[in-house]
Amino acid sequence: MCPIGDMYSHDGDADEPEWVKTEREQFVEFRDKNRDGKMDQQETRDWILPADYDHAEAEARHLVYESDQDKDGRLTQDEIVSKYDLFVGSQATDFGEALVRHDEF
């Protein structure tokens, strides 16, 4: 069985979508480290929680990228409030708890 088979089935389509081609390449080049055609438990763990990936930094960058309306690299109170739902849903702000504890506003 194809590892992508859970997400995509040819069903008579002659051409695969581009995302399927990309996923196949990612699987072969990076995910299937032992080249056995499937992902074992360690390969899956490395894919979901890569050792060299800083989740807190990635989330902080995401919040700034999505909220920094004037793209100056800094967030104002208005920028944060205008994207309040993004911050409340973020683990980086303890799901909004840090917003009410912050004393600079």
Protein backbone atom coordinates (compact mmCIF):
# COMPACT_ATOMS: atom_id res chain seq x y z
CA MET A 1 0.00 0.00 0.00
CA CYS A 2 1.17 3.50 -0.82
CA PRO A 3 1.89 5.64 2.29
CA ILE A 4 -0.15 8.47 0.77
CA GLY A 5 -3.06 6.12 0.11
CA ASP A 6 -4.85 7.24 3.27
CA MET A 7 -5.02 10.82 1.97
CA TYR A 8 -5.33 10.39 -1.80
CA SER A 9 -6.61 7.75 -4.17
CA HIS A 10 -6.15 7.85 -7.95
CA ASP A 11 -9.76 6.80 -8.63
CA GLY A 12 -9.02 6.80 -12.36
CA ASP A 13 -7.29 10.20 -12.42
CA ALA A 14 -4.41 10.21 -14.90
CA ASP A 15 -2.53 13.05 -13.20
CA GLU A 16 -1.77 13.36 -9.51
CA PRO A 17 -2.24 16.76 -7.88
CA GLU A 18 0.98 18.67 -7.20
CA TRP A 19 0.62 18.26 -3.42
CA VAL A 20 0.69 14.46 -3.84
CA LYS A 21 3.91 14.66 -5.85
CA THR A 22 5.43 16.91 -3.19
CA GLU A 23 4.39 14.55 -0.40
CA ARG A 24 5.90 11.58 -2.23
CA GLU A 25 9.19 13.46 -2.59
CA GLN A 26 9.16 14.46 1.08
CA PHE A 27 8.47 10.89 2.09
CA VAL A 28 11.31 9.44 0.00
CA GLU A 29 13.86 12.14 0.76
CA PHE A 30 13.21 12.89 4.43
CA ARG A 31 10.62 10.75 6.22
CA ASP A 32 11.44 7.15 5.25
CA LYS A 33 14.94 7.18 6.75
CA ASN A 34 15.47 3.42 6.58
CA ARG A 35 14.05 3.25 3.01
CA ASP A 36 11.63 0.41 3.73
CA GLY A 37 8.66 2.14 2.06
CA LYS A 38 6.77 2.88 5.27
CA MET A 39 7.17 4.97 8.38
CA ASP A 40 7.97 3.17 11.59
CA GLN A 41 7.33 4.58 15.05
CA GLN A 42 10.65 6.48 15.29
CA GLU A 43 10.30 7.97 11.79
CA THR A 44 6.78 9.12 12.64
CA ARG A 45 7.97 10.64 15.92
CA ASP A 46 10.79 12.48 14.10
CA TRP A 47 8.31 13.80 11.54
CA ILE A 48 5.78 15.04 14.12
CA LEU A 49 8.29 16.32 16.69
CA PRO A 50 11.60 16.99 14.92
CA ALA A 51 14.48 17.38 17.35
CA ASP A 52 15.83 20.51 15.65
CA TYR A 53 12.49 22.37 15.61
CA ASP A 54 11.78 25.00 18.26
CA HIS A 55 8.00 25.07 18.62
CA ALA A 56 7.94 28.17 20.85
CA GLU A 57 10.05 30.17 18.43
CA ALA A 58 7.98 29.02 15.46
CA GLU A 59 4.74 29.99 17.20
CA ALA A 60 6.14 33.39 18.20
CA ARG A 61 7.25 34.05 14.61
CA HIS A 62 3.82 33.00 13.38
CA LEU A 63 2.06 35.40 15.77
CA VAL A 64 4.28 38.32 14.73
CA TYR A 65 3.98 37.50 11.03
CA GLU A 66 0.19 37.31 11.15
CA SER A 67 -0.31 40.32 13.44
CA ASP A 68 2.38 42.87 12.50
CA GLN A 69 0.24 44.99 10.17
CA ASP A 70 2.90 47.63 9.47
CA LYS A 71 5.64 44.99 9.15
CA ASP A 72 8.05 46.80 11.49
CA GLY A 73 8.91 43.65 13.43
CA ARG A 74 7.18 44.90 16.59
CA LEU A 75 3.66 44.43 17.84
CA THR A 76 1.56 47.27 19.18
CA GLN A 77 -1.39 46.88 21.49
CA ASP A 78 -3.74 47.65 18.57
CA GLU A 79 -2.12 44.99 16.38
CA ILE A 80 -2.53 42.39 19.12
CA VAL A 81 -6.12 43.36 19.85
CA SER A 82 -7.01 43.28 16.14
CA LYS A 83 -5.81 39.65 16.03
CA TYR A 84 -7.07 38.76 19.50
CA ASP A 85 -8.54 35.43 18.34
CA LEU A 86 -5.14 34.37 17.01
CA PHE A 87 -3.46 35.10 20.36
CA VAL A 88 -6.20 33.50 22.45
CA GLY A 89 -5.82 30.33 20.40
CA SER A 90 -2.05 30.22 20.79
CA GLN A 91 -0.11 28.00 23.13
CA ALA A 92 2.57 30.72 23.22
CA THR A 93 0.19 32.97 25.17
CA ASP A 94 -1.06 30.12 27.33
CA PHE A 95 -4.27 30.28 25.28
CA GLY A 96 -4.81 33.95 26.12
CA GLU A 97 -3.94 33.83 29.81
CA ALA A 98 -0.71 35.79 29.24
CA LEU A 99 -2.69 38.61 27.61
CA VAL A 100 -4.56 39.42 30.82
CA ARG A 101 -1.42 39.12 32.97
CA HIS A 102 0.64 41.47 30.82
CA ASP A 103 1.17 44.84 32.52
CA GLU A 104 2.47 47.04 29.68
CA PHE A 105 -0.99 47.85 28.33
